[in-house]
């Protein structure tokens, strides 16, 4: 069985929570291949208006990592993509092409603060949809407004073209009662579209 990982911090030196050296990235590629992953979206963090981000630097590093992958003959395709922290500037940057979508598609991996109010979460997702993109809600198990009321996720999906991503660690790591209930209900109800590593 092979997998596509749509949320993977593969590019070294770009994210505080990602690989810091080329050796780290190489080890991550080896691990991904060993786990049966055959394609990843290299989703570096973007925080529009809050923290500088160079698309040029991202694309340069992406090409470097692709070359390393070819040199080592890893059976791994590496696609562009970014994990976008939603701010008031996100939609305009998406329209201008300053933020890269998942593998050049209309899908945008978007995250919010874990304590985001439900109204703000819904409004941000709706704005991305109205801008002509399909939001992919990153690690949905982290948002307390959804974890406390799982029915809200179904409402969001009924109201807009939304995709939902959970982290693989949510299924195997320790979690509280409410988070466990949310994961179970979302999965059993068919509301989860992607399970990804968030590596």
N, C-alpha and C. Protein backbone atom coordinates (compact mmCIF):
# COMPACT_ATOMS: atom_id res chain seq x y z
N UNK A 1 0.84 -1.18 0.00
CA UNK A 1 0.00 0.00 0.00
C UNK A 1 0.89 1.25 0.00
N UNK A 2 0.53 2.23 -0.82
CA UNK A 2 1.29 3.48 -0.88
C UNK A 2 0.40 4.65 -0.49
N UNK A 3 1.06 5.75 -0.10
CA UNK A 3 0.33 6.89 0.44
C UNK A 3 0.82 8.20 -0.17
N UNK A 4 -0.07 9.19 -0.14
CA UNK A 4 0.26 10.57 -0.45
C UNK A 4 0.08 11.37 0.83
N UNK A 5 1.10 12.13 1.22
CA UNK A 5 1.06 12.91 2.46
C UNK A 5 0.90 14.38 2.09
N UNK A 6 -0.28 14.95 2.38
CA UNK A 6 -0.57 16.32 1.95
C UNK A 6 -0.13 17.38 2.96
N UNK A 7 0.44 16.95 4.08
CA UNK A 7 0.87 17.91 5.12
C UNK A 7 2.18 17.40 5.70
N UNK A 8 3.28 17.92 5.15
CA UNK A 8 4.59 17.35 5.47
C UNK A 8 5.63 18.47 5.45
N UNK A 9 6.23 18.78 6.58
CA UNK A 9 7.22 19.86 6.68
C UNK A 9 8.59 19.32 6.31
N UNK A 10 8.83 19.14 5.01
CA UNK A 10 10.01 18.44 4.53
C UNK A 10 11.22 19.34 4.29
N UNK A 11 10.98 20.60 4.01
CA UNK A 11 12.08 21.47 3.57
C UNK A 11 12.86 22.01 4.76
N UNK A 12 14.17 21.77 4.76
CA UNK A 12 14.99 22.14 5.91
C UNK A 12 15.17 23.66 6.00
N UNK A 13 15.26 24.13 7.25
CA UNK A 13 15.60 25.52 7.51
C UNK A 13 14.50 26.54 7.32
N UNK A 14 13.27 26.11 7.05
CA UNK A 14 12.20 27.07 6.81
C UNK A 14 11.19 27.15 7.96
N UNK A 15 11.05 26.09 8.73
CA UNK A 15 10.06 26.05 9.81
C UNK A 15 10.73 25.74 11.14
N UNK A 16 10.29 26.41 12.18
CA UNK A 16 10.82 26.12 13.52
C UNK A 16 10.52 24.68 13.93
N UNK A 17 9.39 24.15 13.47
CA UNK A 17 9.01 22.78 13.84
C UNK A 17 9.33 21.77 12.75
N UNK A 18 10.13 22.19 11.77
CA UNK A 18 10.50 21.29 10.69
C UNK A 18 11.98 20.93 10.77
N UNK A 19 12.51 20.25 9.76
CA UNK A 19 13.92 19.87 9.76
C UNK A 19 14.80 21.11 9.70
N UNK A 20 15.92 21.07 10.40
CA UNK A 20 16.80 22.23 10.47
C UNK A 20 18.03 22.11 9.58
N UNK A 21 18.34 20.89 9.14
CA UNK A 21 19.54 20.68 8.33
C UNK A 21 19.21 19.78 7.14
N UNK A 22 20.06 19.79 6.10
CA UNK A 22 19.86 18.87 4.98
C UNK A 22 19.83 17.41 5.44
N UNK A 23 20.64 17.08 6.44
CA UNK A 23 20.66 15.72 6.96
C UNK A 23 19.30 15.33 7.55
N UNK A 24 18.65 16.29 8.23
CA UNK A 24 17.31 16.03 8.78
C UNK A 24 16.32 15.73 7.67
N UNK A 25 16.37 16.53 6.61
CA UNK A 25 15.45 16.32 5.49
C UNK A 25 15.70 14.97 4.83
N UNK A 26 16.98 14.62 4.67
CA UNK A 26 17.32 13.32 4.08
C UNK A 26 16.74 12.18 4.92
N UNK A 27 16.86 12.28 6.23
CA UNK A 27 16.31 11.25 7.12
C UNK A 27 14.79 11.18 7.00
N UNK A 28 14.16 12.33 6.84
CA UNK A 28 12.70 12.34 6.69
C UNK A 28 12.27 11.68 5.38
N UNK A 29 13.02 11.92 4.31
CA UNK A 29 12.70 11.28 3.04
C UNK A 29 12.86 9.77 3.13
N UNK A 30 13.94 9.32 3.79
CA UNK A 30 14.15 7.88 3.98
C UNK A 30 13.00 7.27 4.76
N UNK A 31 12.58 7.95 5.82
CA UNK A 31 11.49 7.44 6.65
C UNK A 31 10.17 7.41 5.88
N UNK A 32 9.91 8.46 5.12
CA UNK A 32 8.67 8.50 4.33
C UNK A 32 8.62 7.32 3.36
N UNK A 33 9.71 7.08 2.67
CA UNK A 33 9.74 5.97 1.71
C UNK A 33 9.55 4.64 2.43
N UNK A 34 10.18 4.47 3.58
CA UNK A 34 10.04 3.23 4.35
C UNK A 34 8.61 3.02 4.82
N UNK A 35 7.88 4.12 5.03
CA UNK A 35 6.49 4.03 5.48
C UNK A 35 5.50 3.88 4.33
N UNK A 36 6.00 3.80 3.10
CA UNK A 36 5.11 3.61 1.96
C UNK A 36 4.58 4.89 1.36
N UNK A 37 5.12 6.02 1.77
CA UNK A 37 4.70 7.30 1.20
C UNK A 37 5.43 7.49 -0.13
N UNK A 38 4.67 7.81 -1.17
CA UNK A 38 5.27 7.96 -2.49
C UNK A 38 5.15 9.38 -3.03
N UNK A 39 4.44 10.24 -2.32
CA UNK A 39 4.33 11.65 -2.72
C UNK A 39 4.05 12.48 -1.48
N UNK A 40 4.66 13.65 -1.42
CA UNK A 40 4.40 14.57 -0.32
C UNK A 40 4.19 15.97 -0.88
N UNK A 41 3.38 16.74 -0.17
CA UNK A 41 3.33 18.19 -0.39
C UNK A 41 4.20 18.81 0.69
N UNK A 42 5.22 19.54 0.27
CA UNK A 42 6.18 20.13 1.20
C UNK A 42 5.59 21.44 1.74
N UNK A 43 4.82 21.31 2.80
CA UNK A 43 3.99 22.41 3.29
C UNK A 43 4.69 23.23 4.38
N UNK A 44 5.47 24.20 3.96
CA UNK A 44 6.10 25.10 4.91
C UNK A 44 5.08 26.11 5.43
N UNK A 45 5.33 26.63 6.64
CA UNK A 45 4.41 27.58 7.26
C UNK A 45 4.46 28.95 6.59
N UNK A 46 3.28 29.54 6.43
CA UNK A 46 3.15 30.92 5.97
C UNK A 46 2.18 31.61 6.91
N UNK A 47 2.58 32.79 7.40
CA UNK A 47 1.73 33.58 8.30
C UNK A 47 1.55 34.96 7.69
N UNK A 48 0.62 35.11 6.75
CA UNK A 48 0.48 36.36 6.00
C UNK A 48 0.31 37.59 6.89
N UNK A 49 1.20 38.56 6.70
CA UNK A 49 1.13 39.79 7.46
C UNK A 49 1.69 39.71 8.86
N UNK A 50 2.03 38.52 9.33
CA UNK A 50 2.53 38.36 10.69
C UNK A 50 4.02 38.05 10.72
N UNK A 51 4.50 37.34 9.70
CA UNK A 51 5.90 36.95 9.67
C UNK A 51 6.37 36.94 8.21
N UNK A 52 7.54 37.49 7.92
CA UNK A 52 8.03 37.50 6.54
C UNK A 52 8.19 36.08 6.00
N UNK A 53 7.87 35.92 4.73
CA UNK A 53 8.05 34.62 4.07
C UNK A 53 8.47 34.89 2.64
N UNK A 54 9.53 34.24 2.20
CA UNK A 54 10.02 34.44 0.84
C UNK A 54 9.61 33.25 -0.03
N UNK A 55 8.73 33.50 -0.96
CA UNK A 55 8.34 32.46 -1.91
C UNK A 55 9.54 32.02 -2.75
N UNK A 56 10.41 32.97 -3.06
CA UNK A 56 11.62 32.65 -3.83
C UNK A 56 12.51 31.67 -3.07
N UNK A 57 12.72 31.93 -1.77
CA UNK A 57 13.53 31.02 -0.96
C UNK A 57 12.87 29.65 -0.86
N UNK A 58 11.54 29.65 -0.72
CA UNK A 58 10.83 28.37 -0.65
C UNK A 58 11.05 27.56 -1.93
N UNK A 59 10.85 28.20 -3.08
CA UNK A 59 10.98 27.48 -4.35
C UNK A 59 12.41 27.00 -4.58
N UNK A 60 13.39 27.80 -4.16
CA UNK A 60 14.80 27.39 -4.29
C UNK A 60 15.06 26.14 -3.43
N UNK A 61 14.59 26.18 -2.19
CA UNK A 61 14.80 25.04 -1.30
C UNK A 61 14.04 23.81 -1.81
N UNK A 62 12.84 24.00 -2.33
CA UNK A 62 12.07 22.89 -2.89
C UNK A 62 12.85 22.21 -4.01
N UNK A 63 13.46 23.00 -4.88
CA UNK A 63 14.23 22.43 -5.98
C UNK A 63 15.46 21.70 -5.47
N UNK A 64 16.12 22.25 -4.46
CA UNK A 64 17.29 21.59 -3.86
C UNK A 64 16.90 20.21 -3.32
N UNK A 65 15.78 20.16 -2.61
CA UNK A 65 15.35 18.90 -2.00
C UNK A 65 14.93 17.90 -3.07
N UNK A 66 14.31 18.37 -4.13
CA UNK A 66 13.97 17.47 -5.24
C UNK A 66 15.23 16.87 -5.86
N UNK A 67 16.27 17.68 -5.99
CA UNK A 67 17.54 17.18 -6.56
C UNK A 67 18.16 16.13 -5.65
N UNK A 68 18.12 16.34 -4.33
CA UNK A 68 18.63 15.35 -3.38
C UNK A 68 17.84 14.05 -3.51
N UNK A 69 16.54 14.20 -3.65
CA UNK A 69 15.67 13.02 -3.80
C UNK A 69 16.05 12.22 -5.05
N UNK A 70 16.30 12.91 -6.15
CA UNK A 70 16.70 12.24 -7.39
C UNK A 70 18.08 11.60 -7.24
N UNK A 71 19.00 12.30 -6.60
CA UNK A 71 20.36 11.78 -6.42
C UNK A 71 20.33 10.45 -5.66
N UNK A 72 19.48 10.35 -4.64
CA UNK A 72 19.39 9.14 -3.83
C UNK A 72 18.40 8.12 -4.40
N UNK A 73 17.78 8.47 -5.53
CA UNK A 73 16.83 7.58 -6.21
C UNK A 73 15.68 7.16 -5.29
N UNK A 74 15.21 8.08 -4.45
CA UNK A 74 14.05 7.79 -3.62
C UNK A 74 12.80 7.74 -4.49
N UNK A 75 11.94 6.76 -4.29
CA UNK A 75 10.68 6.70 -5.05
C UNK A 75 9.65 7.67 -4.45
N UNK A 76 9.95 8.96 -4.54
CA UNK A 76 9.16 9.95 -3.84
C UNK A 76 8.98 11.19 -4.72
N UNK A 77 7.73 11.57 -4.96
CA UNK A 77 7.44 12.82 -5.66
C UNK A 77 7.22 13.90 -4.62
N UNK A 78 7.82 15.07 -4.84
CA UNK A 78 7.71 16.17 -3.89
C UNK A 78 7.02 17.35 -4.58
N UNK A 79 5.85 17.69 -4.08
CA UNK A 79 5.05 18.77 -4.65
C UNK A 79 5.09 20.00 -3.76
N UNK A 80 4.82 21.14 -4.36
CA UNK A 80 4.75 22.39 -3.60
C UNK A 80 3.47 22.42 -2.77
N UNK A 81 3.48 23.31 -1.82
CA UNK A 81 2.31 23.53 -0.97
C UNK A 81 2.74 24.31 0.27
N UNK A 82 1.80 24.97 0.88
CA UNK A 82 2.10 25.74 2.07
C UNK A 82 1.00 25.54 3.10
N UNK A 83 1.38 25.61 4.36
CA UNK A 83 0.40 25.58 5.44
C UNK A 83 0.17 27.03 5.86
N UNK A 84 -1.02 27.54 5.56
CA UNK A 84 -1.32 28.96 5.71
C UNK A 84 -2.04 29.21 7.02
N UNK A 85 -1.44 30.04 7.86
CA UNK A 85 -2.13 30.49 9.07
C UNK A 85 -3.07 31.60 8.63
N UNK A 86 -4.38 31.41 8.87
CA UNK A 86 -5.34 32.36 8.32
C UNK A 86 -5.23 33.72 9.00
N UNK A 87 -5.07 34.76 8.17
CA UNK A 87 -5.13 36.15 8.61
C UNK A 87 -5.94 36.92 7.58
N UNK A 88 -6.17 38.18 7.84
CA UNK A 88 -6.95 39.01 6.92
C UNK A 88 -6.25 39.19 5.57
N UNK A 89 -4.95 38.88 5.50
CA UNK A 89 -4.19 39.04 4.26
C UNK A 89 -4.14 37.77 3.42
N UNK A 90 -4.60 36.66 3.96
CA UNK A 90 -4.40 35.35 3.31
C UNK A 90 -5.06 35.28 1.93
N UNK A 91 -6.30 35.70 1.83
CA UNK A 91 -7.02 35.53 0.56
C UNK A 91 -6.40 36.36 -0.56
N UNK A 92 -6.01 37.58 -0.26
CA UNK A 92 -5.38 38.42 -1.28
C UNK A 92 -4.06 37.82 -1.73
N UNK A 93 -3.28 37.29 -0.80
CA UNK A 93 -2.01 36.67 -1.18
C UNK A 93 -2.23 35.42 -2.01
N UNK A 94 -3.29 34.68 -1.71
CA UNK A 94 -3.63 33.51 -2.53
C UNK A 94 -4.00 33.94 -3.94
N UNK A 95 -4.83 34.96 -4.06
CA UNK A 95 -5.24 35.43 -5.39
C UNK A 95 -4.04 35.89 -6.22
N UNK A 96 -3.07 36.53 -5.56
CA UNK A 96 -1.88 37.02 -6.27
C UNK A 96 -0.88 35.91 -6.59
N UNK A 97 -1.08 34.74 -5.99
CA UNK A 97 -0.14 33.64 -6.22
C UNK A 97 1.07 33.70 -5.31
N UNK A 98 1.03 34.55 -4.29
CA UNK A 98 2.14 34.63 -3.34
C UNK A 98 2.17 33.44 -2.39
N UNK A 99 1.04 32.77 -2.26
CA UNK A 99 0.93 31.55 -1.45
C UNK A 99 0.63 30.40 -2.41
N UNK A 100 1.39 29.32 -2.29
CA UNK A 100 1.21 28.18 -3.18
C UNK A 100 0.19 27.20 -2.62
N UNK A 101 -0.66 26.73 -3.49
CA UNK A 101 -1.67 25.74 -3.12
C UNK A 101 -1.05 24.35 -3.12
N UNK A 102 -1.81 23.35 -2.72
CA UNK A 102 -1.32 21.98 -2.67
C UNK A 102 -1.16 21.43 -4.08
N UNK A 103 0.08 21.21 -4.48
CA UNK A 103 0.42 20.61 -5.78
C UNK A 103 -0.20 21.36 -6.95
N UNK A 104 -0.33 22.68 -6.82
CA UNK A 104 -0.86 23.49 -7.91
C UNK A 104 -2.36 23.36 -8.11
N UNK A 105 -3.05 22.77 -7.16
CA UNK A 105 -4.50 22.59 -7.26
C UNK A 105 -5.22 23.82 -6.71
N UNK A 106 -6.54 23.71 -6.54
CA UNK A 106 -7.32 24.77 -5.89
C UNK A 106 -7.37 24.57 -4.38
N UNK A 107 -6.74 23.53 -3.86
CA UNK A 107 -6.81 23.18 -2.45
C UNK A 107 -5.75 23.95 -1.66
N UNK A 108 -6.16 24.54 -0.54
CA UNK A 108 -5.28 25.33 0.31
C UNK A 108 -5.29 24.75 1.72
N UNK A 109 -4.12 24.35 2.20
CA UNK A 109 -4.00 23.86 3.57
C UNK A 109 -3.98 25.06 4.50
N UNK A 110 -4.98 25.17 5.38
CA UNK A 110 -5.13 26.35 6.23
C UNK A 110 -5.26 25.94 7.69
N UNK A 111 -4.61 26.72 8.55
CA UNK A 111 -4.69 26.46 9.98
C UNK A 111 -5.10 27.74 10.71
N UNK A 112 -5.58 27.55 11.92
CA UNK A 112 -6.00 28.64 12.79
C UNK A 112 -5.38 28.42 14.16
N UNK A 113 -5.52 29.41 15.02
CA UNK A 113 -5.12 29.23 16.41
C UNK A 113 -6.00 28.15 17.04
N UNK A 114 -5.43 27.28 17.87
CA UNK A 114 -6.24 26.22 18.49
C UNK A 114 -7.46 26.74 19.26
N UNK A 115 -7.38 27.96 19.77
CA UNK A 115 -8.48 28.54 20.55
C UNK A 115 -9.34 29.49 19.73
N UNK A 116 -9.28 29.40 18.41
CA UNK A 116 -10.06 30.29 17.56
C UNK A 116 -11.55 30.14 17.87
N UNK A 117 -12.29 31.25 18.00
CA UNK A 117 -13.74 31.15 18.15
C UNK A 117 -14.37 30.53 16.90
N UNK A 118 -15.42 29.79 17.09
CA UNK A 118 -16.05 29.09 15.97
C UNK A 118 -16.45 30.06 14.85
N UNK A 119 -17.01 31.21 15.22
CA UNK A 119 -17.45 32.17 14.21
C UNK A 119 -16.28 32.63 13.35
N UNK A 120 -15.12 32.84 13.96
CA UNK A 120 -13.94 33.27 13.20
C UNK A 120 -13.42 32.15 12.30
N UNK A 121 -13.45 30.92 12.80
CA UNK A 121 -13.04 29.77 11.99
C UNK A 121 -13.92 29.64 10.76
N UNK A 122 -15.24 29.67 10.97
CA UNK A 122 -16.18 29.53 9.86
C UNK A 122 -16.02 30.67 8.86
N UNK A 123 -15.87 31.89 9.36
CA UNK A 123 -15.72 33.04 8.47
C UNK A 123 -14.44 32.93 7.63
N UNK A 124 -13.34 32.53 8.25
CA UNK A 124 -12.09 32.39 7.50
C UNK A 124 -12.18 31.33 6.42
N UNK A 125 -12.75 30.19 6.75
CA UNK A 125 -12.90 29.12 5.75
C UNK A 125 -13.80 29.58 4.61
N UNK A 126 -14.87 30.29 4.96
CA UNK A 126 -15.80 30.76 3.94
C UNK A 126 -15.11 31.77 3.01
N UNK A 127 -14.29 32.64 3.57
CA UNK A 127 -13.59 33.63 2.75
C UNK A 127 -12.64 32.96 1.76
N UNK A 128 -11.97 31.91 2.18
CA UNK A 128 -11.09 31.18 1.26
C UNK A 128 -11.92 30.57 0.13
N UNK A 129 -13.06 29.99 0.46
CA UNK A 129 -13.93 29.44 -0.57
C UNK A 129 -14.43 30.51 -1.53
N UNK A 130 -14.81 31.66 -1.00
CA UNK A 130 -15.31 32.75 -1.84
C UNK A 130 -14.21 33.33 -2.73
N UNK A 131 -12.95 33.15 -2.32
CA UNK A 131 -11.82 33.61 -3.14
C UNK A 131 -11.52 32.63 -4.28
N UNK A 132 -12.24 31.51 -4.33
CA UNK A 132 -12.08 30.56 -5.43
C UNK A 132 -11.22 29.36 -5.11
N UNK A 133 -10.98 29.13 -3.82
CA UNK A 133 -10.14 28.00 -3.40
C UNK A 133 -10.93 27.05 -2.52
N UNK A 134 -10.42 25.84 -2.37
CA UNK A 134 -11.03 24.85 -1.49
C UNK A 134 -10.17 24.75 -0.24
N UNK A 135 -10.69 25.19 0.91
CA UNK A 135 -9.88 25.10 2.13
C UNK A 135 -9.76 23.66 2.62
N UNK A 136 -8.55 23.29 3.01
CA UNK A 136 -8.30 22.02 3.68
C UNK A 136 -7.94 22.38 5.12
N UNK A 137 -8.81 22.09 6.04
CA UNK A 137 -8.59 22.48 7.44
C UNK A 137 -7.54 21.56 8.05
N UNK A 138 -6.38 22.14 8.36
CA UNK A 138 -5.26 21.36 8.90
C UNK A 138 -5.53 20.94 10.33
N UNK A 139 -5.11 19.74 10.65
CA UNK A 139 -5.21 19.15 12.00
C UNK A 139 -6.46 19.63 12.76
N UNK A 140 -7.62 19.23 12.24
CA UNK A 140 -8.90 19.69 12.80
C UNK A 140 -9.09 19.26 14.25
N UNK A 141 -8.35 18.25 14.69
CA UNK A 141 -8.49 17.77 16.07
C UNK A 141 -7.92 18.75 17.09
N UNK A 142 -7.30 19.82 16.64
CA UNK A 142 -6.69 20.79 17.56
C UNK A 142 -7.61 21.94 17.95
N UNK A 143 -8.72 22.13 17.24
CA UNK A 143 -9.54 23.32 17.47
C UNK A 143 -10.61 23.03 18.52
N UNK A 144 -10.48 23.68 19.64
CA UNK A 144 -11.38 23.39 20.75
C UNK A 144 -12.83 23.69 20.42
N UNK A 145 -13.09 24.66 19.54
CA UNK A 145 -14.47 24.98 19.17
C UNK A 145 -15.14 23.83 18.42
N UNK A 146 -14.34 22.98 17.76
CA UNK A 146 -14.88 21.80 17.09
C UNK A 146 -14.86 20.58 18.00
N UNK A 147 -13.79 20.45 18.76
CA UNK A 147 -13.67 19.29 19.65
C UNK A 147 -14.81 19.27 20.66
N UNK A 148 -15.17 20.44 21.19
CA UNK A 148 -16.26 20.50 22.17
C UNK A 148 -17.62 20.23 21.55
N UNK A 149 -17.78 20.59 20.27
CA UNK A 149 -19.07 20.40 19.58
C UNK A 149 -18.82 19.82 18.20
N UNK A 150 -18.63 18.49 18.10
CA UNK A 150 -18.30 17.85 16.82
C UNK A 150 -19.32 18.09 15.72
N UNK A 151 -20.58 18.35 16.09
CA UNK A 151 -21.62 18.57 15.07
C UNK A 151 -21.29 19.79 14.21
N UNK A 152 -20.48 20.69 14.72
CA UNK A 152 -20.12 21.88 13.95
C UNK A 152 -19.33 21.53 12.70
N UNK A 153 -18.55 20.47 12.76
CA UNK A 153 -17.77 20.07 11.59
C UNK A 153 -18.70 19.64 10.45
N UNK A 154 -19.73 18.90 10.77
CA UNK A 154 -20.70 18.50 9.76
C UNK A 154 -21.40 19.73 9.17
N UNK A 155 -21.71 20.70 10.01
CA UNK A 155 -22.35 21.93 9.53
C UNK A 155 -21.45 22.68 8.56
N UNK A 156 -20.17 22.76 8.90
CA UNK A 156 -19.22 23.44 8.02
C UNK A 156 -19.13 22.76 6.67
N UNK A 157 -19.05 21.43 6.68
CA UNK A 157 -18.91 20.70 5.42
C UNK A 157 -20.18 20.77 4.57
N UNK A 158 -21.33 20.90 5.23
CA UNK A 158 -22.58 21.03 4.49
C UNK A 158 -22.73 22.43 3.89
N UNK A 159 -22.04 23.40 4.48
CA UNK A 159 -22.21 24.80 4.11
C UNK A 159 -21.24 25.29 3.05
N UNK A 160 -20.13 24.56 2.85
CA UNK A 160 -19.10 25.06 1.95
C UNK A 160 -18.25 23.90 1.43
N UNK A 161 -17.48 24.16 0.34
CA UNK A 161 -16.57 23.13 -0.15
C UNK A 161 -15.34 23.03 0.75
N UNK A 162 -15.43 22.25 1.78
CA UNK A 162 -14.39 22.13 2.79
C UNK A 162 -13.85 20.72 2.82
N UNK A 163 -12.54 20.59 2.98
CA UNK A 163 -11.92 19.30 3.22
C UNK A 163 -11.29 19.34 4.61
N UNK A 164 -11.23 18.19 5.25
CA UNK A 164 -10.78 18.10 6.64
C UNK A 164 -9.59 17.16 6.73
N UNK A 165 -8.53 17.61 7.39
CA UNK A 165 -7.33 16.81 7.60
C UNK A 165 -7.12 16.59 9.08
N UNK A 166 -6.86 15.36 9.47
CA UNK A 166 -6.44 15.03 10.82
C UNK A 166 -5.00 14.55 10.78
N UNK A 167 -4.29 14.76 11.87
CA UNK A 167 -2.92 14.25 11.97
C UNK A 167 -2.95 12.78 12.34
N UNK A 168 -2.05 12.01 11.75
CA UNK A 168 -1.97 10.58 12.07
C UNK A 168 -1.72 10.36 13.56
N UNK A 169 -0.95 11.26 14.16
CA UNK A 169 -0.66 11.12 15.59
C UNK A 169 -1.90 11.21 16.46
N UNK A 170 -2.97 11.82 15.95
CA UNK A 170 -4.21 11.93 16.72
C UNK A 170 -4.84 10.56 16.97
N UNK A 171 -4.54 9.60 16.10
CA UNK A 171 -5.12 8.27 16.24
C UNK A 171 -4.32 7.37 17.16
N UNK A 172 -3.05 7.70 17.36
CA UNK A 172 -2.21 6.80 18.14
C UNK A 172 -1.65 7.43 19.41
N UNK A 173 -1.70 8.75 19.50
CA UNK A 173 -1.16 9.41 20.68
C UNK A 173 -2.17 9.49 21.81
N UNK A 174 -1.72 9.99 22.94
CA UNK A 174 -2.60 10.17 24.09
C UNK A 174 -3.50 11.38 23.84
N UNK A 175 -4.76 11.26 24.25
CA UNK A 175 -5.71 12.35 24.06
C UNK A 175 -6.76 12.30 25.15
N UNK A 176 -7.40 13.43 25.37
CA UNK A 176 -8.45 13.50 26.36
C UNK A 176 -9.76 12.93 25.82
N UNK A 177 -10.75 12.88 26.68
CA UNK A 177 -12.04 12.32 26.30
C UNK A 177 -12.68 13.08 25.15
N UNK A 178 -12.69 14.42 25.22
CA UNK A 178 -13.37 15.20 24.19
C UNK A 178 -12.68 15.07 22.84
N UNK A 179 -11.35 15.11 22.84
CA UNK A 179 -10.64 14.97 21.58
C UNK A 179 -10.84 13.57 21.00
N UNK A 180 -10.80 12.56 21.84
CA UNK A 180 -11.05 11.20 21.36
C UNK A 180 -12.44 11.05 20.78
N UNK A 181 -13.43 11.64 21.44
CA UNK A 181 -14.80 11.59 20.93
C UNK A 181 -14.90 12.29 19.58
N UNK A 182 -14.25 13.44 19.46
CA UNK A 182 -14.29 14.19 18.20
C UNK A 182 -13.68 13.37 17.06
N UNK A 183 -12.52 12.79 17.30
CA UNK A 183 -11.83 12.01 16.26
C UNK A 183 -12.70 10.83 15.83
N UNK A 184 -13.26 10.14 16.82
CA UNK A 184 -14.10 8.98 16.50
C UNK A 184 -15.34 9.39 15.70
N UNK A 185 -16.03 10.43 16.16
CA UNK A 185 -17.26 10.86 15.47
C UNK A 185 -16.97 11.38 14.08
N UNK A 186 -15.89 12.17 13.92
CA UNK A 186 -15.56 12.72 12.61
C UNK A 186 -15.20 11.61 11.63
N UNK A 187 -14.45 10.63 12.11
CA UNK A 187 -14.04 9.53 11.25
C UNK A 187 -15.22 8.64 10.88
N UNK A 188 -16.00 8.24 11.88
CA UNK A 188 -17.13 7.34 11.63
C UNK A 188 -18.21 8.00 10.79
N UNK A 189 -18.30 9.33 10.84
CA UNK A 189 -19.31 10.05 10.05
C UNK A 189 -18.83 10.37 8.64
N UNK A 190 -17.63 9.99 8.31
CA UNK A 190 -17.10 10.24 6.97
C UNK A 190 -16.74 11.69 6.72
N UNK A 191 -16.44 12.45 7.77
CA UNK A 191 -16.12 13.86 7.63
C UNK A 191 -14.64 14.12 7.40
N UNK A 192 -13.81 13.10 7.54
CA UNK A 192 -12.36 13.25 7.39
C UNK A 192 -11.96 12.89 5.97
N UNK A 193 -11.27 13.82 5.33
CA UNK A 193 -10.85 13.61 3.95
C UNK A 193 -9.38 13.17 3.84
N UNK A 194 -8.55 13.65 4.76
CA UNK A 194 -7.13 13.33 4.71
C UNK A 194 -6.63 13.01 6.13
N UNK A 195 -5.79 12.01 6.22
CA UNK A 195 -4.98 11.78 7.40
C UNK A 195 -3.54 11.98 6.95
N UNK A 196 -2.84 12.90 7.60
CA UNK A 196 -1.49 13.26 7.16
C UNK A 196 -0.53 13.25 8.34
N UNK A 197 0.75 13.28 8.02
CA UNK A 197 1.77 13.16 9.07
C UNK A 197 2.01 14.46 9.82
N UNK A 198 1.87 15.62 9.15
CA UNK A 198 2.30 16.90 9.72
C UNK A 198 3.76 16.76 10.16
N UNK A 199 4.52 16.00 9.37
CA UNK A 199 5.89 15.63 9.75
C UNK A 199 6.76 16.85 9.98
